[in-house]
Amino acid sequence: MNQPAIILVEPQLAENIGTAARAMLNFGLTRMRLVNPRPNWPSDRATEVSSGAGSVLENAEVFRSIADAVADCRVVYATSARPRDMVKEVVTPRLAAAELRQHEAADIPCGILFGPERTGLLNDDIALCDRVITVPLNPKFSSLNLAQAVLLVGYEWYQAAGAPPPDTFRYGDAAPADKLHLMSFTSRLEAELDECGFLRNSHMRPTMVRNIRAMFGRASLTDQEVRTLHGILTELVTKRLKP
């Protein structure tokens, strides 16, 4: 149950969901999550093309938003082939797999986001994640379909079972904050920044909010650190509101 959740964001074709499930089960991955799947769900067509991986589809969880799908995760990876205009650590599937195995051993819930077939993940989606997985491919042709991307990441995760971790994550006695806890803080911070006028530029607001979320996500905060930030914000707001 410590294996990463494979999260497919708005998959458009039942065939792609089915073949992604087949790719997952090839490497022992069984935790599929779907965010607003476009085909009617459950799908007989997805089961047909899964070639025996129907158990993955039967147990797939469906969510209305990415935020809901990652709420219980403490570390989330986004998959993307395009460079992004934000500061995010970019890792190969092999390095990500070694890190995921280390998180698995430490009982840290993780998720891997795969974007829609045509557009991939949006910047706002990636802002919720801790790292970006990019597959080294031919720069003149780097197109992968959804099942291929899942297959590559799944293969590296499977192969990393006996590999030593690339480095050590030290959280002390505190666990890394789950995404629900972190998002509750950033949402509260954004509300207070709206109230004080910091986000008054409506044109720049989406970019500023995305950067704020990415900044706190990149910090790998623990639950205790997020609680401390809540306390700091409370004191700052209380002082501002005093007559």
C-alpha atoms as a PDB file:
ATOM      1  CA  MET A   1       0.000   0.000   0.000  1.00  0.00           C
ATOM      2  CA  ASN A   2       3.038   2.291   0.157  1.00  0.00           C
ATOM      3  CA  GLN A   3       3.468   2.228  -3.609  1.00  0.00           C
ATOM      4  CA  PRO A   4       2.825   5.519  -5.416  1.00  0.00           C
ATOM      5  CA  ALA A   5      -0.627   6.359  -6.701  1.00  0.00           C
ATOM      6  CA  ILE A   6      -0.743   6.743 -10.495  1.00  0.00           C
ATOM      7  CA  ILE A   7      -2.975   9.761 -11.094  1.00  0.00           C
ATOM      8  CA  LEU A   8      -4.365  10.298 -14.600  1.00  0.00           C
ATOM      9  CA  VAL A   9      -5.665  13.839 -15.023  1.00  0.00           C
ATOM     10  CA  GLU A  10      -8.676  14.166 -17.338  1.00  0.00           C
ATOM     11  CA  PRO A  11      -7.818  11.187 -19.569  1.00  0.00           C
ATOM     12  CA  GLN A  12      -9.716  11.541 -22.812  1.00  0.00           C
ATOM     13  CA  LEU A  13      -9.960   7.993 -24.170  1.00  0.00           C
ATOM     14  CA  ALA A  14     -11.056   4.781 -22.495  1.00  0.00           C
ATOM     15  CA  GLU A  15      -8.389   2.949 -24.490  1.00  0.00           C
ATOM     16  CA  ASN A  16      -5.658   5.054 -22.901  1.00  0.00           C
ATOM     17  CA  ILE A  17      -6.955   4.353 -19.399  1.00  0.00           C
ATOM     18  CA  GLY A  18      -7.048   0.624 -20.137  1.00  0.00           C
ATOM     19  CA  THR A  19      -3.561   0.469 -21.615  1.00  0.00           C
ATOM     20  CA  ALA A  20      -2.220   2.588 -18.730  1.00  0.00           C
ATOM     21  CA  ALA A  21      -3.702   0.036 -16.315  1.00  0.00           C
ATOM     22  CA  ARG A  22      -1.999  -2.742 -18.290  1.00  0.00           C
ATOM     23  CA  ALA A  23       1.334  -0.883 -18.068  1.00  0.00           C
ATOM     24  CA  MET A  24       0.865  -0.386 -14.316  1.00  0.00           C
ATOM     25  CA  LEU A  25       0.170  -4.034 -13.564  1.00  0.00           C
ATOM     26  CA  ASN A  26       3.214  -5.109 -15.602  1.00  0.00           C
ATOM     27  CA  PHE A  27       5.287  -3.604 -12.796  1.00  0.00           C
ATOM     28  CA  GLY A  28       3.083  -4.300  -9.785  1.00  0.00           C
ATOM     29  CA  LEU A  29       1.473  -0.858  -9.600  1.00  0.00           C
ATOM     30  CA  THR A  30      -2.199  -1.131  -8.666  1.00  0.00           C
ATOM     31  CA  ARG A  31      -3.258   2.243  -7.225  1.00  0.00           C
ATOM     32  CA  MET A  32      -4.905   4.135 -10.096  1.00  0.00           C
ATOM     33  CA  ARG A  33      -6.639   7.466  -9.536  1.00  0.00           C
ATOM     34  CA  LEU A  34      -8.654   9.281 -12.209  1.00  0.00           C
ATOM     35  CA  VAL A  35      -9.385  13.007 -12.178  1.00  0.00           C
ATOM     36  CA  ASN A  36     -12.487  13.845 -14.227  1.00  0.00           C
ATOM     37  CA  PRO A  37     -12.150  11.035 -16.803  1.00  0.00           C
ATOM     38  CA  ARG A  38     -13.703  12.115 -20.120  1.00  0.00           C
ATOM     39  CA  PRO A  39     -15.183   8.738 -21.144  1.00  0.00           C
ATOM     40  CA  ASN A  40     -18.150   7.398 -19.206  1.00  0.00           C
ATOM     41  CA  TRP A  41     -16.867   5.543 -16.179  1.00  0.00           C
ATOM     42  CA  PRO A  42     -16.698   2.606 -15.506  1.00  0.00           C
ATOM     43  CA  SER A  43     -15.800   1.723 -19.084  1.00  0.00           C
ATOM     44  CA  ASP A  44     -16.142  -1.678 -20.736  1.00  0.00           C
ATOM     45  CA  ARG A  45     -13.785  -0.532 -23.489  1.00  0.00           C
ATOM     46  CA  ALA A  46     -11.048   0.284 -20.960  1.00  0.00           C
ATOM     47  CA  THR A  47     -11.417  -3.214 -19.501  1.00  0.00           C
ATOM     48  CA  GLU A  48     -11.226  -4.808 -22.957  1.00  0.00           C
ATOM     49  CA  VAL A  49      -7.908  -3.188 -23.863  1.00  0.00           C
ATOM     50  CA  SER A  50      -6.371  -3.671 -20.405  1.00  0.00           C
ATOM     51  CA  SER A  51      -5.524  -7.279 -21.349  1.00  0.00           C
ATOM     52  CA  GLY A  52      -6.245  -8.759 -17.938  1.00  0.00           C
ATOM     53  CA  ALA A  53      -5.523  -5.699 -15.790  1.00  0.00           C
ATOM     54  CA  GLY A  54      -9.202  -5.263 -14.963  1.00  0.00           C
ATOM     55  CA  SER A  55      -8.478  -5.410 -11.229  1.00  0.00           C
ATOM     56  CA  VAL A  56      -6.614  -2.090 -11.503  1.00  0.00           C
ATOM     57  CA  LEU A  57      -9.616  -0.496 -13.212  1.00  0.00           C
ATOM     58  CA  GLU A  58     -12.134  -1.983 -10.785  1.00  0.00           C
ATOM     59  CA  ASN A  59     -10.292  -0.447  -7.848  1.00  0.00           C
ATOM     60  CA  ALA A  60      -9.555   2.886  -9.539  1.00  0.00           C
ATOM     61  CA  GLU A  61     -10.637   5.921  -7.505  1.00  0.00           C
ATOM     62  CA  VAL A  62     -12.326   8.867  -9.228  1.00  0.00           C
ATOM     63  CA  PHE A  63     -11.843  12.466  -8.073  1.00  0.00           C
ATOM     64  CA  ARG A  64     -13.278  15.803  -9.146  1.00  0.00           C
ATOM     65  CA  SER A  65     -10.015  17.761  -8.847  1.00  0.00           C
ATOM     66  CA  ILE A  66      -6.273  17.275  -8.626  1.00  0.00           C
ATOM     67  CA  ALA A  67      -6.331  18.847  -5.169  1.00  0.00           C
ATOM     68  CA  ASP A  68      -8.685  16.091  -3.978  1.00  0.00           C
ATOM     69  CA  ALA A  69      -6.635  13.374  -5.682  1.00  0.00           C
ATOM     70  CA  VAL A  70      -3.370  14.393  -3.977  1.00  0.00           C
ATOM     71  CA  ALA A  71      -4.807  15.516  -0.624  1.00  0.00           C
ATOM     72  CA  ASP A  72      -3.477  12.486   1.282  1.00  0.00           C
ATOM     73  CA  CYS A  73      -0.093  12.481  -0.485  1.00  0.00           C
ATOM     74  CA  ARG A  74       2.989  13.946   1.145  1.00  0.00           C
ATOM     75  CA  VAL A  75       5.198  13.933  -1.956  1.00  0.00           C
ATOM     76  CA  VAL A  76       3.851  14.394  -5.496  1.00  0.00           C
ATOM     77  CA  TYR A  77       5.692  14.160  -8.815  1.00  0.00           C
ATOM     78  CA  ALA A  78       4.422  15.709 -12.041  1.00  0.00           C
ATOM     79  CA  THR A  79       5.337  14.291 -15.443  1.00  0.00           C
ATOM     80  CA  SER A  80       6.079  16.781 -18.203  1.00  0.00           C
ATOM     81  CA  ALA A  81       8.125  16.961 -21.374  1.00  0.00           C
ATOM     82  CA  ARG A  82       8.048  20.759 -21.603  1.00  0.00           C
ATOM     83  CA  PRO A  83      10.182  23.290 -19.726  1.00  0.00           C
ATOM     84  CA  ARG A  84       8.107  25.388 -17.331  1.00  0.00           C
ATOM     85  CA  ASP A  85       8.376  28.988 -16.221  1.00  0.00           C
ATOM     86  CA  MET A  86       8.711  28.098 -12.544  1.00  0.00           C
ATOM     87  CA  VAL A  87      11.423  26.885 -10.196  1.00  0.00           C
ATOM     88  CA  LYS A  88      10.984  23.125  -9.846  1.00  0.00           C
ATOM     89  CA  GLU A  89      13.544  20.376  -9.481  1.00  0.00           C
ATOM     90  CA  VAL A  90      13.493  18.224 -12.625  1.00  0.00           C
ATOM     91  CA  VAL A  91      14.476  14.568 -12.296  1.00  0.00           C
ATOM     92  CA  THR A  92      14.666  11.560 -14.604  1.00  0.00           C
ATOM     93  CA  PRO A  93      12.328   8.594 -14.075  1.00  0.00           C
ATOM     94  CA  ARG A  94      15.287   6.620 -12.689  1.00  0.00           C
ATOM     95  CA  LEU A  95      16.121   9.191 -10.026  1.00  0.00           C
ATOM     96  CA  ALA A  96      12.432   9.655  -9.205  1.00  0.00           C
ATOM     97  CA  ALA A  97      12.041   5.891  -8.831  1.00  0.00           C
ATOM     98  CA  ALA A  98      14.924   5.692  -6.351  1.00  0.00           C
ATOM     99  CA  GLU A  99      13.385   8.546  -4.342  1.00  0.00           C
ATOM    100  CA  LEU A 100       9.953   6.908  -4.444  1.00  0.00           C
ATOM    101  CA  ARG A 101      11.380   3.669  -3.082  1.00  0.00           C
ATOM    102  CA  GLN A 102      12.973   5.604  -0.249  1.00  0.00           C
ATOM    103  CA  HIS A 103       9.670   7.332   0.515  1.00  0.00           C
ATOM    104  CA  GLU A 104       7.954   3.951   0.356  1.00  0.00           C
ATOM    105  CA  ALA A 105      10.350   2.524   2.958  1.00  0.00           C
ATOM    106  CA  ALA A 106       9.645   5.522   5.207  1.00  0.00           C
ATOM    107  CA  ASP A 107       5.859   5.046   4.840  1.00  0.00           C
ATOM    108  CA  ILE A 108       5.426   8.396   3.061  1.00  0.00           C
ATOM    109  CA  PRO A 109       2.408   8.427   0.680  1.00  0.00           C
ATOM    110  CA  CYS A 110       3.333   9.574  -2.834  1.00  0.00           C
ATOM    111  CA  GLY A 111       1.586  10.268  -6.111  1.00  0.00           C
ATOM    112  CA  ILE A 112       2.609  10.704  -9.754  1.00  0.00           C
ATOM    113  CA  LEU A 113       0.549  12.984 -12.009  1.00  0.00           C
ATOM    114  CA  PHE A 114       0.090  12.296 -15.721  1.00  0.00           C
ATOM    115  CA  GLY A 115      -1.644  15.026 -17.716  1.00  0.00           C
ATOM    116  CA  PRO A 116      -4.300  14.921 -20.451  1.00  0.00           C
ATOM    117  CA  GLU A 117      -3.207  13.379 -23.738  1.00  0.00           C
ATOM    118  CA  ARG A 118      -3.397  16.523 -25.854  1.00  0.00           C
ATOM    119  CA  THR A 119      -2.256  19.272 -23.499  1.00  0.00           C
ATOM    120  CA  GLY A 120      -0.345  17.695 -20.636  1.00  0.00           C
ATOM    121  CA  LEU A 121      -0.425  19.225 -17.169  1.00  0.00           C
ATOM    122  CA  LEU A 122      -1.051  22.933 -16.647  1.00  0.00           C
ATOM    123  CA  ASN A 123       1.350  25.137 -14.710  1.00  0.00           C
ATOM    124  CA  ASP A 124      -1.219  25.417 -11.915  1.00  0.00           C
ATOM    125  CA  ASP A 125      -1.236  21.607 -11.683  1.00  0.00           C
ATOM    126  CA  ILE A 126       2.539  21.422 -11.487  1.00  0.00           C
ATOM    127  CA  ALA A 127       2.595  24.099  -8.784  1.00  0.00           C
ATOM    128  CA  LEU A 128       0.945  21.530  -6.475  1.00  0.00           C
ATOM    129  CA  CYS A 129       3.817  19.080  -7.004  1.00  0.00           C
ATOM    130  CA  ASP A 130       7.241  18.731  -5.423  1.00  0.00           C
ATOM    131  CA  ARG A 131       9.270  17.596  -8.436  1.00  0.00           C
ATOM    132  CA  VAL A 132       8.903  17.206 -12.182  1.00  0.00           C
ATOM    133  CA  ILE A 133       9.745  13.953 -13.969  1.00  0.00           C
ATOM    134  CA  THR A 134      11.044  14.419 -17.508  1.00  0.00           C
ATOM    135  CA  VAL A 135      12.062  11.485 -19.696  1.00  0.00           C
ATOM    136  CA  PRO A 136      15.295  12.047 -21.668  1.00  0.00           C
ATOM    137  CA  LEU A 137      14.141  11.650 -25.278  1.00  0.00           C
ATOM    138  CA  ASN A 138      15.075  12.672 -28.787  1.00  0.00           C
ATOM    139  CA  PRO A 139      14.744  16.491 -28.625  1.00  0.00           C
ATOM    140  CA  LYS A 140      13.416  16.500 -32.182  1.00  0.00           C
ATOM    141  CA  PHE A 141      10.623  14.079 -31.290  1.00  0.00           C
ATOM    142  CA  SER A 142       9.709  13.736 -27.618  1.00  0.00           C
ATOM    143  CA  SER A 143       6.069  12.687 -27.941  1.00  0.00           C
ATOM    144  CA  LEU A 144       4.854   9.866 -25.688  1.00  0.00           C
ATOM    145  CA  ASN A 145       1.324   8.594 -25.345  1.00  0.00           C
ATOM    146  CA  LEU A 146      -0.191   8.180 -21.885  1.00  0.00           C
ATOM    147  CA  ALA A 147       0.441   4.441 -21.523  1.00  0.00           C
ATOM    148  CA  GLN A 148       4.048   4.803 -22.700  1.00  0.00           C
ATOM    149  CA  ALA A 149       4.709   7.451 -20.057  1.00  0.00           C
ATOM    150  CA  VAL A 150       3.182   5.263 -17.342  1.00  0.00           C
ATOM    151  CA  LEU A 151       5.177   2.286 -18.628  1.00  0.00           C
ATOM    152  CA  LEU A 152       8.511   4.136 -18.462  1.00  0.00           C
ATOM    153  CA  VAL A 153       7.947   5.418 -14.932  1.00  0.00           C
ATOM    154  CA  GLY A 154       6.594   2.041 -13.795  1.00  0.00           C
ATOM    155  CA  TYR A 155       9.590   0.196 -15.219  1.00  0.00           C
ATOM    156  CA  GLU A 156      12.064   2.411 -13.365  1.00  0.00           C
ATOM    157  CA  TRP A 157      10.061   2.093 -10.139  1.00  0.00           C
ATOM    158  CA  TYR A 158      10.070  -1.701 -10.444  1.00  0.00           C
ATOM    159  CA  GLN A 159      13.787  -1.860 -11.209  1.00  0.00           C
ATOM    160  CA  ALA A 160      14.624   0.415  -8.262  1.00  0.00           C
ATOM    161  CA  ALA A 161      13.344  -2.099  -5.712  1.00  0.00           C
ATOM    162  CA  GLY A 162      16.859  -3.187  -4.807  1.00  0.00           C
ATOM    163  CA  ALA A 163      18.727   0.012  -5.680  1.00  0.00           C
ATOM    164  CA  PRO A 164      20.323   2.171  -2.962  1.00  0.00           C
ATOM    165  CA  PRO A 165      18.744   5.621  -2.531  1.00  0.00           C
ATOM    166  CA  PRO A 166      20.583   8.512  -4.232  1.00  0.00           C
ATOM    167  CA  ASP A 167      20.625  10.525  -1.023  1.00  0.00           C
ATOM    168  CA  THR A 168      18.842  10.743   2.306  1.00  0.00           C
ATOM    169  CA  PHE A 169      15.734  12.726   3.208  1.00  0.00           C
ATOM    170  CA  ARG A 170      15.857  13.727   6.851  1.00  0.00           C
ATOM    171  CA  TYR A 171      12.599  14.833   8.433  1.00  0.00           C
ATOM    172  CA  GLY A 172      13.508  14.079  12.052  1.00  0.00           C
ATOM    173  CA  ASP A 173      10.525  12.864  14.035  1.00  0.00           C
ATOM    174  CA  ALA A 174       8.036  14.826  11.911  1.00  0.00           C
ATOM    175  CA  ALA A 175       6.492  13.556   8.688  1.00  0.00           C
ATOM    176  CA  PRO A 176       6.349  15.728   5.573  1.00  0.00           C
ATOM    177  CA  ALA A 177       3.070  17.615   5.387  1.00  0.00           C
ATOM    178  CA  ASP A 178       0.351  16.106   3.267  1.00  0.00           C
ATOM    179  CA  LYS A 179      -0.981  18.190   0.401  1.00  0.00           C
ATOM    180  CA  LEU A 180      -4.330  18.871   2.089  1.00  0.00           C
ATOM    181  CA  HIS A 181      -2.565  20.482   5.061  1.00  0.00           C
ATOM    182  CA  LEU A 182      -0.215  22.474   2.835  1.00  0.00           C
ATOM    183  CA  MET A 183      -3.019  23.647   0.534  1.00  0.00           C
ATOM    184  CA  SER A 184      -5.067  24.795   3.518  1.00  0.00           C
ATOM    185  CA  PHE A 185      -2.180  27.068   4.511  1.00  0.00           C
ATOM    186  CA  THR A 186      -1.526  28.463   1.027  1.00  0.00           C
ATOM    187  CA  SER A 187      -5.252  29.102   0.514  1.00  0.00           C
ATOM    188  CA  ARG A 188      -5.396  30.972   3.804  1.00  0.00           C
ATOM    189  CA  LEU A 189      -2.259  32.935   2.918  1.00  0.00           C
ATOM    190  CA  GLU A 190      -3.690  33.884  -0.481  1.00  0.00           C
ATOM    191  CA  ALA A 191      -6.914  35.100   1.168  1.00  0.00           C
ATOM    192  CA  GLU A 192      -4.947  37.316   3.545  1.00  0.00           C
ATOM    193  CA  LEU A 193      -2.786  38.634   0.704  1.00  0.00           C
ATOM    194  CA  ASP A 194      -5.977  39.529  -1.166  1.00  0.00           C
ATOM    195  CA  GLU A 195      -7.309  41.254   1.938  1.00  0.00           C
ATOM    196  CA  CYS A 196      -4.200  43.384   2.469  1.00  0.00           C
ATOM    197  CA  GLY A 197      -3.940  44.294  -1.225  1.00  0.00           C
ATOM    198  CA  PHE A 198      -0.724  42.460  -2.068  1.00  0.00           C
ATOM    199  CA  LEU A 199      -2.465  40.604  -4.920  1.00  0.00           C
ATOM    200  CA  ARG A 200      -4.266  43.696  -6.200  1.00  0.00           C
ATOM    201  CA  ASN A 201      -2.864  43.393  -9.744  1.00  0.00           C
ATOM    202  CA  SER A 202      -5.537  41.206 -11.354  1.00  0.00           C
ATOM    203  CA  HIS A 203      -3.386  40.579 -14.428  1.00  0.00           C
ATOM    204  CA  MET A 204      -0.427  39.274 -12.406  1.00  0.00           C
ATOM    205  CA  ARG A 205      -2.446  37.558  -9.664  1.00  0.00           C
ATOM    206  CA  PRO A 206      -2.607  34.051 -11.246  1.00  0.00           C
ATOM    207  CA  THR A 207       1.157  33.966 -11.779  1.00  0.00           C
ATOM    208  CA  MET A 208       1.885  35.311  -8.299  1.00  0.00           C
ATOM    209  CA  VAL A 209      -0.443  32.774  -6.664  1.00  0.00           C
ATOM    210  CA  ARG A 210       1.106  29.937  -8.680  1.00  0.00           C
ATOM    211  CA  ASN A 211       4.605  31.011  -7.656  1.00  0.00           C
ATOM    212  CA  ILE A 212       3.604  31.207  -3.987  1.00  0.00           C
ATOM    213  CA  ARG A 213       2.184  27.691  -4.100  1.00  0.00           C
ATOM    214  CA  ALA A 214       5.239  26.356  -5.915  1.00  0.00           C
ATOM    215  CA  MET A 215       7.594  28.036  -3.429  1.00  0.00           C
ATOM    216  CA  PHE A 216       5.994  26.442  -0.381  1.00  0.00           C
ATOM    217  CA  GLY A 217       5.641  23.119  -2.168  1.00  0.00           C
ATOM    218  CA  ARG A 218       9.316  23.119  -3.066  1.00  0.00           C
ATOM    219  CA  ALA A 219      10.290  23.617   0.590  1.00  0.00           C
ATOM    220  CA  SER A 220       9.289  20.028   1.567  1.00  0.00           C
ATOM    221  CA  LEU A 221       7.699  21.281   4.780  1.00  0.00           C
ATOM    222  CA  THR A 222       6.771  19.002   7.657  1.00  0.00           C
ATOM    223  CA  ASP A 223       3.388  19.022   9.388  1.00  0.00           C
ATOM    224  CA  GLN A 224       4.913  20.872  12.325  1.00  0.00           C
ATOM    225  CA  GLU A 225       6.413  23.535  10.051  1.00  0.00           C
ATOM    226  CA  VAL A 226       3.046  24.122   8.383  1.00  0.00           C
ATOM    227  CA  ARG A 227       1.415  24.488  11.803  1.00  0.00           C
ATOM    228  CA  THR A 228       4.126  27.011  12.697  1.00  0.00           C
ATOM    229  CA  LEU A 229       3.400  28.972   9.513  1.00  0.00           C
ATOM    230  CA  HIS A 230      -0.300  28.995  10.410  1.00  0.00           C
ATOM    231  CA  GLY A 231       0.641  30.429  13.803  1.00  0.00           C
ATOM    232  CA  ILE A 232       2.879  33.090  12.265  1.00  0.00           C
ATOM    233  CA  LEU A 233       0.104  34.114   9.890  1.00  0.00           C
ATOM    234  CA  THR A 234      -2.390  34.286  12.746  1.00  0.00           C
ATOM    235  CA  GLU A 235      -0.125  36.618  14.719  1.00  0.00           C
ATOM    236  CA  LEU A 236       0.557  38.842  11.710  1.00  0.00           C
ATOM    237  CA  VAL A 237      -3.138  39.148  10.877  1.00  0.00           C
ATOM    238  CA  THR A 238      -4.099  39.751  14.528  1.00  0.00           C
ATOM    239  CA  LYS A 239      -1.563  42.561  14.794  1.00  0.00           C
ATOM    240  CA  ARG A 240      -2.818  44.109  11.548  1.00  0.00           C
ATOM    241  CA  LEU A 241      -6.420  44.058  12.747  1.00  0.00           C
ATOM    242  CA  LYS A 242      -5.720  45.604  16.145  1.00  0.00           C
ATOM    243  CA  PRO A 243      -6.941  49.246  16.399  1.00  0.00           C
END
